[in-house]
Amino acid sequence: DLTLFPWAWRFPVFETYRDERFKIDPTKSKGMLKYSNWLAAMCARDDVARTLPIWDEYLDHIGRYADGSARSKVANAVRDGREAHQYDDEKDDVKD
């Protein structure tokens, strides 16, 4: 649960910013129904729910990465084709 949940919770981002093909449809198979039930049960746990950001705010945040407008060290490095540790905030930051 600890390993899969953070990724499972974020997976619908792909449906939103990439393609409807990424939609998880619990009616497709017993396995997908089991997965969807597990995810809902995890989200319903108070100890988990307290750690989750508000979904719409999270989508807005991730949207900046999806459309290339994010301005973080990691985003800047990725746009430049480098790893974040190779990106120097002082030398490489371009102010618009």
Protein backbone atom coordinates (compact mmCIF):
# COMPACT_ATOMS: atom_id res chain seq x y z
CA ASP A 1 0.00 0.00 0.00
CA LEU A 2 2.75 2.45 0.93
CA THR A 3 4.57 1.91 -2.33
CA LEU A 4 1.68 1.91 -4.77
CA PHE A 5 -0.71 4.45 -3.30
CA PRO A 6 1.16 7.70 -4.08
CA TRP A 7 1.43 6.70 -7.75
CA ALA A 8 -2.09 5.29 -7.95
CA TRP A 9 -3.52 8.50 -6.48
CA ARG A 10 -1.68 10.61 -9.08
CA PHE A 11 -2.41 8.39 -12.09
CA PRO A 12 -5.62 10.25 -13.11
CA VAL A 13 -3.40 13.24 -13.92
CA PHE A 14 -2.60 11.47 -17.19
CA GLU A 15 -6.26 11.23 -18.07
CA THR A 16 -6.63 14.96 -17.46
CA TYR A 17 -3.51 16.23 -19.23
CA ARG A 18 -2.74 13.55 -21.78
CA ASP A 19 -5.47 11.30 -23.06
CA GLU A 20 -8.75 9.61 -22.17
CA ARG A 21 -7.00 6.27 -22.82
CA PHE A 22 -5.43 6.60 -19.38
CA LYS A 23 -8.82 6.54 -17.66
CA ILE A 24 -9.13 3.68 -15.20
CA ASP A 25 -12.47 2.02 -15.84
CA PRO A 26 -13.50 -0.36 -13.04
CA THR A 27 -16.06 -2.00 -15.33
CA LYS A 28 -13.36 -3.34 -17.67
CA SER A 29 -12.32 -6.25 -15.48
CA LYS A 30 -12.52 -7.75 -12.01
CA GLY A 31 -8.93 -6.65 -11.48
CA MET A 32 -9.72 -3.02 -12.29
CA LEU A 33 -12.74 -3.13 -10.00
CA LYS A 34 -10.57 -4.52 -7.20
CA TYR A 35 -7.98 -1.81 -7.87
CA SER A 36 -10.62 0.94 -7.85
CA ASN A 37 -12.11 -0.36 -4.60
CA TRP A 38 -8.65 -0.49 -3.02
CA LEU A 39 -7.88 3.08 -4.12
CA ALA A 40 -11.22 4.35 -2.78
CA ALA A 41 -10.63 2.54 0.53
CA MET A 42 -7.15 4.06 0.83
CA CYS A 43 -8.47 7.56 0.08
CA ALA A 44 -11.21 7.10 2.69
CA ARG A 45 -8.69 6.41 5.44
CA ASP A 46 -8.39 9.47 7.68
CA ASP A 47 -4.64 9.02 8.08
CA VAL A 48 -4.26 9.06 4.29
CA ALA A 49 -6.86 11.72 3.50
CA ARG A 50 -5.16 14.20 5.85
CA THR A 51 -1.99 14.03 3.73
CA LEU A 52 -3.60 14.55 0.33
CA PRO A 53 -3.72 17.92 -1.36
CA ILE A 54 -6.99 19.25 -2.72
CA TRP A 55 -7.35 17.50 -6.08
CA ASP A 56 -8.23 20.57 -8.18
CA GLU A 57 -5.33 22.55 -6.71
CA TYR A 58 -3.01 19.62 -7.37
CA LEU A 59 -4.21 19.44 -11.00
CA ASP A 60 -3.53 23.17 -11.42
CA HIS A 61 -0.03 22.69 -10.00
CA ILE A 62 0.71 19.72 -12.25
CA GLY A 63 -0.83 21.52 -15.21
CA ARG A 64 2.07 23.95 -15.20
CA TYR A 65 4.41 21.02 -15.78
CA ALA A 66 2.09 19.55 -18.43
CA ASP A 67 1.98 22.78 -20.44
CA GLY A 68 5.63 23.71 -19.87
CA SER A 69 5.00 26.83 -17.82
CA ALA A 70 6.34 25.54 -14.46
CA ARG A 71 9.25 27.56 -13.11
CA SER A 72 11.05 25.34 -10.63
CA LYS A 73 14.63 24.15 -10.65
CA VAL A 74 13.53 20.73 -11.86
CA ALA A 75 11.24 22.12 -14.56
CA ASN A 76 13.93 24.50 -15.80
CA ALA A 77 16.51 21.71 -15.92
CA VAL A 78 14.16 19.33 -17.76
CA ARG A 79 13.37 21.99 -20.37
CA ASP A 80 17.10 22.48 -20.80
CA GLY A 81 17.75 18.73 -21.14
CA ARG A 82 19.69 18.45 -17.90
CA GLU A 83 19.22 16.95 -14.47
CA ALA A 84 18.27 19.25 -11.62
CA HIS A 85 21.64 18.88 -9.90
CA GLN A 86 23.30 20.16 -13.09
CA TYR A 87 21.17 23.30 -13.12
CA ASP A 88 22.65 26.36 -11.41
CA ASP A 89 19.98 28.76 -10.17
CA GLU A 90 22.36 31.72 -10.29
CA LYS A 91 23.86 31.18 -13.74
CA ASP A 92 21.05 29.44 -15.57
CA ASP A 93 17.91 31.17 -14.35
CA VAL A 94 16.45 33.27 -17.11
CA LYS A 95 14.08 35.93 -15.92
CA ASP A 96 11.19 36.61 -18.28
